[in-house]
Amino acid sequence: MLFRKPFPVKKIFLWSVVFIFGLAVSFLFLLSIISINIGLSNLNQDGFFIPIMAGILFIGICLFLFIWVIRFIIGLLKEKDIIRSKR
């Protein structure tokens, strides 16, 4: 009897979630860069530092959430033995 390896549907789905989440974070990163650019282009106005600070803070939050979600998904994949762990 021939045994086939099961098709890795969960693995493909979770990596596609990682890819789509990466695209969303890169879009938010672009918006943060635009905010910083607006702040830097209006240095002669009062409150020019608000878009700069908001952009920098948003970049930090996006990177933190992206790293946290990616580590969670990879941990989930290793826990369910969908990807091979090195244990």
C-alpha atoms as a PDB file:
ATOM      1  CA  MET A   1       0.000   0.000   0.000  1.00  0.00           C
ATOM      2  CA  LEU A   2       1.349   3.440  -0.911  1.00  0.00           C
ATOM      3  CA  PHE A   3       1.391   6.098   1.772  1.00  0.00           C
ATOM      4  CA  ARG A   4       1.565   9.691   0.695  1.00  0.00           C
ATOM      5  CA  LYS A   5       2.692  12.553   2.813  1.00  0.00           C
ATOM      6  CA  PRO A   6      -0.247  14.775   3.685  1.00  0.00           C
ATOM      7  CA  PHE A   7      -0.474  18.057   1.829  1.00  0.00           C
ATOM      8  CA  PRO A   8       0.759  20.823   4.164  1.00  0.00           C
ATOM      9  CA  VAL A   9      -2.383  22.978   4.138  1.00  0.00           C
ATOM     10  CA  LYS A  10      -1.806  24.406   7.613  1.00  0.00           C
ATOM     11  CA  LYS A  11       1.755  25.322   6.806  1.00  0.00           C
ATOM     12  CA  ILE A  12       0.776  27.080   3.585  1.00  0.00           C
ATOM     13  CA  PHE A  13      -2.077  28.903   5.313  1.00  0.00           C
ATOM     14  CA  LEU A  14       0.049  30.124   8.215  1.00  0.00           C
ATOM     15  CA  TRP A  15       2.891  31.269   5.956  1.00  0.00           C
ATOM     16  CA  SER A  16       0.362  33.111   3.792  1.00  0.00           C
ATOM     17  CA  VAL A  17      -0.963  34.788   6.964  1.00  0.00           C
ATOM     18  CA  VAL A  18       2.619  35.820   7.774  1.00  0.00           C
ATOM     19  CA  PHE A  19       3.026  37.215   4.247  1.00  0.00           C
ATOM     20  CA  ILE A  20      -0.245  39.171   4.328  1.00  0.00           C
ATOM     21  CA  PHE A  21       0.545  40.492   7.804  1.00  0.00           C
ATOM     22  CA  GLY A  22       3.970  41.557   6.524  1.00  0.00           C
ATOM     23  CA  LEU A  23       2.339  43.459   3.676  1.00  0.00           C
ATOM     24  CA  ALA A  24      -0.001  45.217   6.113  1.00  0.00           C
ATOM     25  CA  VAL A  25       2.881  46.159   8.411  1.00  0.00           C
ATOM     26  CA  SER A  26       4.909  47.466   5.472  1.00  0.00           C
ATOM     27  CA  PHE A  27       1.947  49.658   4.449  1.00  0.00           C
ATOM     28  CA  LEU A  28       1.705  51.041   7.992  1.00  0.00           C
ATOM     29  CA  PHE A  29       5.472  51.565   7.955  1.00  0.00           C
ATOM     30  CA  LEU A  30       5.059  53.589   4.743  1.00  0.00           C
ATOM     31  CA  LEU A  31       2.385  55.734   6.398  1.00  0.00           C
ATOM     32  CA  SER A  32       4.749  56.354   9.310  1.00  0.00           C
ATOM     33  CA  ILE A  33       7.507  57.447   6.960  1.00  0.00           C
ATOM     34  CA  ILE A  34       5.070  59.821   5.232  1.00  0.00           C
ATOM     35  CA  SER A  35       4.140  61.258   8.635  1.00  0.00           C
ATOM     36  CA  ILE A  36       7.807  61.826   9.472  1.00  0.00           C
ATOM     37  CA  ASN A  37       8.340  63.429   6.059  1.00  0.00           C
ATOM     38  CA  ILE A  38       5.413  65.812   6.612  1.00  0.00           C
ATOM     39  CA  GLY A  39       6.845  66.815   9.978  1.00  0.00           C
ATOM     40  CA  LEU A  40      10.294  67.415   8.511  1.00  0.00           C
ATOM     41  CA  SER A  41       8.929  69.430   5.600  1.00  0.00           C
ATOM     42  CA  ASN A  42       7.107  71.816   7.975  1.00  0.00           C
ATOM     43  CA  LEU A  43       9.947  72.702  10.340  1.00  0.00           C
ATOM     44  CA  ASN A  44       8.980  76.385  10.340  1.00  0.00           C
ATOM     45  CA  GLN A  45       5.522  75.763  11.857  1.00  0.00           C
ATOM     46  CA  ASP A  46       4.576  75.266  15.480  1.00  0.00           C
ATOM     47  CA  GLY A  47       4.041  71.632  16.436  1.00  0.00           C
ATOM     48  CA  PHE A  48       6.151  70.223  13.625  1.00  0.00           C
ATOM     49  CA  PHE A  49       7.508  67.573  15.976  1.00  0.00           C
ATOM     50  CA  ILE A  50       4.096  65.911  16.540  1.00  0.00           C
ATOM     51  CA  PRO A  51       4.008  64.042  13.170  1.00  0.00           C
ATOM     52  CA  ILE A  52       7.669  63.119  13.618  1.00  0.00           C
ATOM     53  CA  MET A  53       7.081  61.693  17.086  1.00  0.00           C
ATOM     54  CA  ALA A  54       3.886  59.948  15.988  1.00  0.00           C
ATOM     55  CA  GLY A  55       5.670  58.368  13.015  1.00  0.00           C
ATOM     56  CA  ILE A  56       8.585  57.154  15.117  1.00  0.00           C
ATOM     57  CA  LEU A  57       6.256  55.773  17.793  1.00  0.00           C
ATOM     58  CA  PHE A  58       4.098  54.037  15.194  1.00  0.00           C
ATOM     59  CA  ILE A  59       7.150  52.469  13.534  1.00  0.00           C
ATOM     60  CA  GLY A  60       8.237  51.109  16.919  1.00  0.00           C
ATOM     61  CA  ILE A  61       4.782  49.714  17.682  1.00  0.00           C
ATOM     62  CA  CYS A  62       4.482  48.119  14.227  1.00  0.00           C
ATOM     63  CA  LEU A  63       7.899  46.467  14.472  1.00  0.00           C
ATOM     64  CA  PHE A  64       7.167  45.190  17.980  1.00  0.00           C
ATOM     65  CA  LEU A  65       3.808  43.712  16.952  1.00  0.00           C
ATOM     66  CA  PHE A  66       5.247  42.231  13.753  1.00  0.00           C
ATOM     67  CA  ILE A  67       8.072  40.486  15.610  1.00  0.00           C
ATOM     68  CA  TRP A  68       5.700  39.307  18.341  1.00  0.00           C
ATOM     69  CA  VAL A  69       3.143  37.857  15.891  1.00  0.00           C
ATOM     70  CA  ILE A  70       5.815  36.188  13.745  1.00  0.00           C
ATOM     71  CA  ARG A  71       7.416  34.585  16.809  1.00  0.00           C
ATOM     72  CA  PHE A  72       3.976  33.409  17.954  1.00  0.00           C
ATOM     73  CA  ILE A  73       3.145  31.856  14.579  1.00  0.00           C
ATOM     74  CA  ILE A  74       6.545  30.160  14.275  1.00  0.00           C
ATOM     75  CA  GLY A  75       6.174  28.853  17.832  1.00  0.00           C
ATOM     76  CA  LEU A  76       2.730  27.546  16.924  1.00  0.00           C
ATOM     77  CA  LEU A  77       4.131  25.831  13.851  1.00  0.00           C
ATOM     78  CA  LYS A  78       6.901  24.192  15.870  1.00  0.00           C
ATOM     79  CA  GLU A  79       4.516  23.175  18.650  1.00  0.00           C
ATOM     80  CA  LYS A  80       2.131  21.470  16.242  1.00  0.00           C
ATOM     81  CA  ASP A  81       5.162  19.949  14.468  1.00  0.00           C
ATOM     82  CA  ILE A  82       4.145  21.544  11.192  1.00  0.00           C
ATOM     83  CA  ILE A  83       7.692  22.735  10.696  1.00  0.00           C
ATOM     84  CA  ARG A  84      10.573  20.761  12.088  1.00  0.00           C
ATOM     85  CA  SER A  85      12.019  21.999  15.316  1.00  0.00           C
ATOM     86  CA  LYS A  86      15.652  21.367  16.171  1.00  0.00           C
ATOM     87  CA  ARG A  87      14.982  19.610  19.483  1.00  0.00           C
END
